[in-house]
Amino acid sequence: QLQKDLEEVKELLAKATRKRLRDVLMTEKHKLELEIKNQPPPKPKDVAEEEKSSLGGYTVKINNYGWDQSDKFIKIYISLNGVQKLPAENVQVNFTERSFDLLVKNLNGKNYTMTFNNLLKPISVEGSSRKIKTDTVLVMCRKKREEKWECLTQVEKESKEKEKAAYDTSDPSEGLMNLLKKMYAEGDDEMKRTINKAWVESREKQSKGDIPMDI
């Protein structure tokens, strides 16, 4: 899916002539390339098929979580009703220095997965673990350095910095442009089409002299 998004952005970039629109597209292109780069490598097909066949049921992607931190750990809390009743081996977490994957097998007939790529800072694979509590899985990522994290992932940090920059301007028209960039960068295909349509219409009006200000 990320690769398809990247290909679409590249197509738009090839057609774009306005500098500001190209800037929006370049920002989105770099963001997608970073996410793709930090995805874990695909598993060999036979291993992937074996895992898939052993799971049974259907798999649900977990999107909701809470997190906290101490000097030594990043703690991610995932609520799953009845998870404490599963055998311990049904709750698996694989860690790398900048990511982790959670797999919960056969919970009420479903499998649950969560993947965090591109963590903000490195973690210790050996020092990280998971704990099963009542209706909750707690993923404990051991920090390599005892320092405060402002967010969980590098992408989240970049998004916050862009959002801050969007409102940190004394020029109202520039602020609007930055807001449009943010909406375009984070929007789905429908949002991108809407913004592109508005852009074309504004250019047509401007060329007719209806809008003297260059937006």
Protein backbone atom coordinates (compact mmCIF):
# COMPACT_ATOMS: atom_id res chain seq x y z
CA GLN A 1 0.00 0.00 0.00
CA LEU A 2 2.82 2.43 0.86
CA GLN A 3 4.53 1.62 -2.44
CA LYS A 4 1.32 2.42 -4.34
CA ASP A 5 1.02 5.74 -2.48
CA LEU A 6 4.62 6.55 -3.38
CA GLU A 7 4.06 5.77 -7.07
CA GLU A 8 0.99 8.05 -7.11
CA VAL A 9 2.92 10.89 -5.47
CA LYS A 10 5.72 10.51 -8.04
CA GLU A 11 3.15 10.73 -10.87
CA LEU A 12 1.68 13.92 -9.39
CA LEU A 13 5.18 15.32 -8.89
CA ALA A 14 6.00 14.77 -12.56
CA LYS A 15 2.91 16.79 -13.56
CA ALA A 16 3.25 19.57 -10.96
CA THR A 17 4.68 22.91 -12.09
CA ARG A 18 3.99 25.17 -9.11
CA LYS A 19 6.84 25.34 -6.60
CA ARG A 20 4.59 25.19 -3.55
CA LEU A 21 2.69 22.17 -4.85
CA ARG A 22 5.98 20.46 -5.69
CA ASP A 23 7.16 21.17 -2.12
CA VAL A 24 4.03 19.47 -0.75
CA LEU A 25 4.58 16.45 -2.97
CA MET A 26 8.30 16.23 -2.19
CA THR A 27 7.52 16.26 1.55
CA GLU A 28 5.02 13.43 1.10
CA LYS A 29 7.48 11.52 -1.13
CA HIS A 30 10.26 11.70 1.50
CA LYS A 31 7.83 10.65 4.25
CA LEU A 32 6.68 7.58 2.30
CA GLU A 33 10.24 6.62 1.32
CA LEU A 34 11.26 6.79 5.00
CA GLU A 35 8.35 4.57 6.05
CA ILE A 36 9.08 2.04 3.30
CA LYS A 37 12.80 2.02 4.18
CA ASN A 38 12.05 1.22 7.82
CA GLN A 39 9.61 -1.60 7.16
CA PRO A 40 10.88 -4.98 8.36
CA PRO A 41 12.13 -7.18 5.50
CA PRO A 42 9.50 -9.55 4.05
CA LYS A 43 9.61 -13.08 5.41
CA PRO A 44 10.38 -15.96 3.04
CA LYS A 45 7.18 -17.12 1.42
CA ASP A 46 7.23 -20.60 2.93
CA VAL A 47 7.67 -19.19 6.46
CA ALA A 48 4.94 -16.62 5.93
CA GLU A 49 2.55 -19.24 4.54
CA GLU A 50 3.34 -21.60 7.41
CA GLU A 51 2.60 -18.90 9.97
CA LYS A 52 -0.59 -17.94 8.16
CA SER A 53 -1.87 -21.50 8.06
CA SER A 54 -1.07 -22.05 11.74
CA LEU A 55 -3.03 -18.98 12.82
CA GLY A 56 -6.47 -19.89 11.55
CA GLY A 57 -9.41 -17.51 11.94
CA TYR A 58 -8.81 -13.97 10.74
CA THR A 59 -6.36 -11.30 11.80
CA VAL A 60 -7.24 -7.92 13.27
CA LYS A 61 -4.77 -5.02 13.14
CA ILE A 62 -4.54 -3.19 16.48
CA ASN A 63 -4.62 0.59 16.16
CA ASN A 64 -5.58 1.68 19.67
CA TYR A 65 -2.99 1.80 22.44
CA GLY A 66 -1.71 3.91 25.28
CA TRP A 67 1.88 4.60 26.20
CA ASP A 68 4.00 5.90 29.04
CA GLN A 69 7.69 6.01 29.89
CA SER A 70 10.11 5.81 32.78
CA ASP A 71 13.82 6.58 32.78
CA LYS A 72 14.59 3.07 31.47
CA PHE A 73 11.50 1.90 29.57
CA ILE A 74 8.95 2.89 26.96
CA LYS A 75 5.70 1.15 27.94
CA ILE A 76 2.94 0.45 25.40
CA TYR A 77 -0.43 -0.70 26.76
CA ILE A 78 -2.74 -2.69 24.46
CA SER A 79 -6.24 -3.56 25.72
CA LEU A 80 -7.47 -7.04 24.70
CA ASN A 81 -10.35 -8.57 26.62
CA GLY A 82 -9.51 -11.98 28.08
CA VAL A 83 -5.88 -12.03 26.92
CA GLN A 84 -4.75 -13.28 30.35
CA LYS A 85 -6.58 -16.57 29.68
CA LEU A 86 -4.35 -17.45 26.71
CA PRO A 87 -1.30 -19.70 26.96
CA ALA A 88 1.81 -17.52 27.28
CA GLU A 89 3.17 -18.74 23.93
CA ASN A 90 0.13 -17.25 22.16
CA VAL A 91 1.37 -13.74 22.93
CA GLN A 92 4.57 -13.09 20.97
CA VAL A 93 6.63 -9.93 20.55
CA ASN A 94 9.66 -9.67 18.25
CA PHE A 95 11.98 -6.74 18.85
CA THR A 96 14.63 -5.07 16.71
CA GLU A 97 16.67 -2.01 17.63
CA ARG A 98 14.09 0.34 16.05
CA SER A 99 10.86 -1.70 15.87
CA PHE A 100 8.67 -4.39 17.39
CA ASP A 101 5.89 -6.72 16.21
CA LEU A 102 3.15 -8.03 18.50
CA LEU A 103 1.15 -11.15 17.59
CA VAL A 104 -1.67 -12.49 19.77
CA LYS A 105 -2.95 -15.85 18.51
CA ASN A 106 -6.45 -17.28 18.79
CA LEU A 107 -8.05 -14.80 21.19
CA ASN A 108 -11.81 -15.41 20.98
CA GLY A 109 -11.34 -16.92 17.52
CA LYS A 110 -9.29 -14.02 16.17
CA ASN A 111 -5.61 -13.12 15.84
CA TYR A 112 -4.37 -9.63 16.67
CA THR A 113 -1.26 -7.87 15.34
CA MET A 114 0.48 -4.57 15.96
CA THR A 115 3.66 -3.30 14.30
CA PHE A 116 5.73 -0.30 15.33
CA ASN A 117 8.44 0.64 12.81
CA ASN A 118 10.96 3.45 12.97
CA LEU A 119 10.95 3.99 16.74
CA LEU A 120 12.21 7.43 17.72
CA LYS A 121 15.38 6.10 19.39
CA PRO A 122 17.16 2.73 19.61
CA ILE A 123 16.01 0.12 22.13
CA SER A 124 17.79 -2.85 23.66
CA VAL A 125 16.45 -6.07 22.12
CA GLU A 126 17.72 -8.19 25.02
CA GLY A 127 16.32 -5.85 27.68
CA SER A 128 12.85 -5.57 26.12
CA SER A 129 9.94 -7.86 27.00
CA ARG A 130 6.17 -8.18 27.28
CA LYS A 131 3.88 -8.72 30.25
CA ILE A 132 0.36 -10.11 30.23
CA LYS A 133 -2.06 -8.45 32.63
CA THR A 134 -5.84 -8.61 33.01
CA ASP A 135 -7.30 -7.61 29.61
CA THR A 136 -4.01 -5.93 28.72
CA VAL A 137 -0.69 -6.68 27.02
CA LEU A 138 2.16 -4.45 28.21
CA VAL A 139 5.11 -4.14 25.81
CA MET A 140 8.27 -2.99 27.61
CA CYS A 141 10.90 -1.45 25.31
CA ARG A 142 14.18 -0.96 27.16
CA LYS A 143 15.79 2.35 26.21
CA LYS A 144 19.43 2.19 25.15
CA ARG A 145 19.92 5.61 26.70
CA GLU A 146 18.04 6.89 29.72
CA GLU A 147 16.47 9.97 28.18
CA LYS A 148 12.96 11.32 27.67
CA TRP A 149 11.21 10.50 24.39
CA GLU A 150 8.92 13.23 23.04
CA CYS A 151 6.97 10.69 20.96
CA LEU A 152 7.15 7.05 19.87
CA THR A 153 8.28 7.17 16.24
CA GLN A 154 10.40 9.29 13.94
CA VAL A 155 7.44 9.81 11.58
CA GLU A 156 5.32 11.09 14.48
CA LYS A 157 8.08 13.55 15.42
CA GLU A 158 8.34 14.87 11.85
CA SER A 159 4.56 15.25 11.70
CA LYS A 160 4.55 17.30 14.91
CA GLU A 161 7.35 19.52 13.63
CA LYS A 162 5.46 20.17 10.38
CA GLU A 163 2.27 20.94 12.31
CA LYS A 164 4.15 23.40 14.53
CA ALA A 165 5.69 25.08 11.49
CA ALA A 166 2.26 25.33 9.83
CA TYR A 167 1.00 27.62 12.59
CA ASP A 168 4.28 29.39 13.32
CA THR A 169 3.95 32.13 10.70
CA SER A 170 3.05 35.81 10.66
CA ASP A 171 1.77 35.65 7.08
CA PRO A 172 -1.90 34.49 7.03
CA SER A 173 -1.73 33.31 3.43
CA GLU A 174 1.44 31.33 4.22
CA GLY A 175 -0.31 29.79 7.21
CA LEU A 176 -3.19 28.70 4.97
CA MET A 177 -0.76 27.21 2.46
CA ASN A 178 1.01 25.26 5.21
CA LEU A 179 -2.34 23.99 6.49
CA LEU A 180 -3.24 22.83 2.99
CA LYS A 181 0.13 21.08 2.75
CA LYS A 182 -0.56 19.29 6.03
CA MET A 183 -4.05 18.24 4.89
CA TYR A 184 -2.62 17.00 1.58
CA ALA A 185 0.25 15.10 3.22
CA GLU A 186 -2.01 13.32 5.69
CA GLY A 187 -5.15 12.98 3.54
CA ASP A 188 -6.49 9.96 1.69
CA ASP A 189 -6.93 9.76 -2.09
CA GLU A 190 -10.28 11.61 -1.93
CA MET A 191 -8.73 14.46 0.06
CA LYS A 192 -5.84 14.74 -2.43
CA ARG A 193 -8.30 14.90 -5.35
CA THR A 194 -10.35 17.60 -3.59
CA ILE A 195 -7.26 19.74 -2.92
CA ASN A 196 -6.01 19.28 -6.48
CA LYS A 197 -9.43 20.32 -7.85
CA ALA A 198 -9.51 23.42 -5.63
CA TRP A 199 -5.98 24.27 -6.75
CA VAL A 200 -6.90 24.05 -10.46
CA GLU A 201 -10.06 26.14 -9.96
CA SER A 202 -8.14 28.84 -8.09
CA ARG A 203 -5.56 28.98 -10.90
CA GLU A 204 -8.32 29.36 -13.49
CA LYS A 205 -9.94 32.22 -11.54
CA GLN A 206 -6.57 33.88 -11.06
CA SER A 207 -5.80 33.70 -14.77
CA LYS A 208 -9.13 35.47 -15.44
CA GLY A 209 -8.25 38.21 -12.98
CA ASP A 210 -10.87 37.18 -10.38
CA ILE A 211 -8.23 36.61 -7.70
CA PRO A 212 -5.42 39.17 -7.65
CA MET A 213 -3.56 37.50 -4.78
CA ASP A 214 -1.35 34.53 -5.65
CA ILE A 215 -2.49 31.69 -3.39
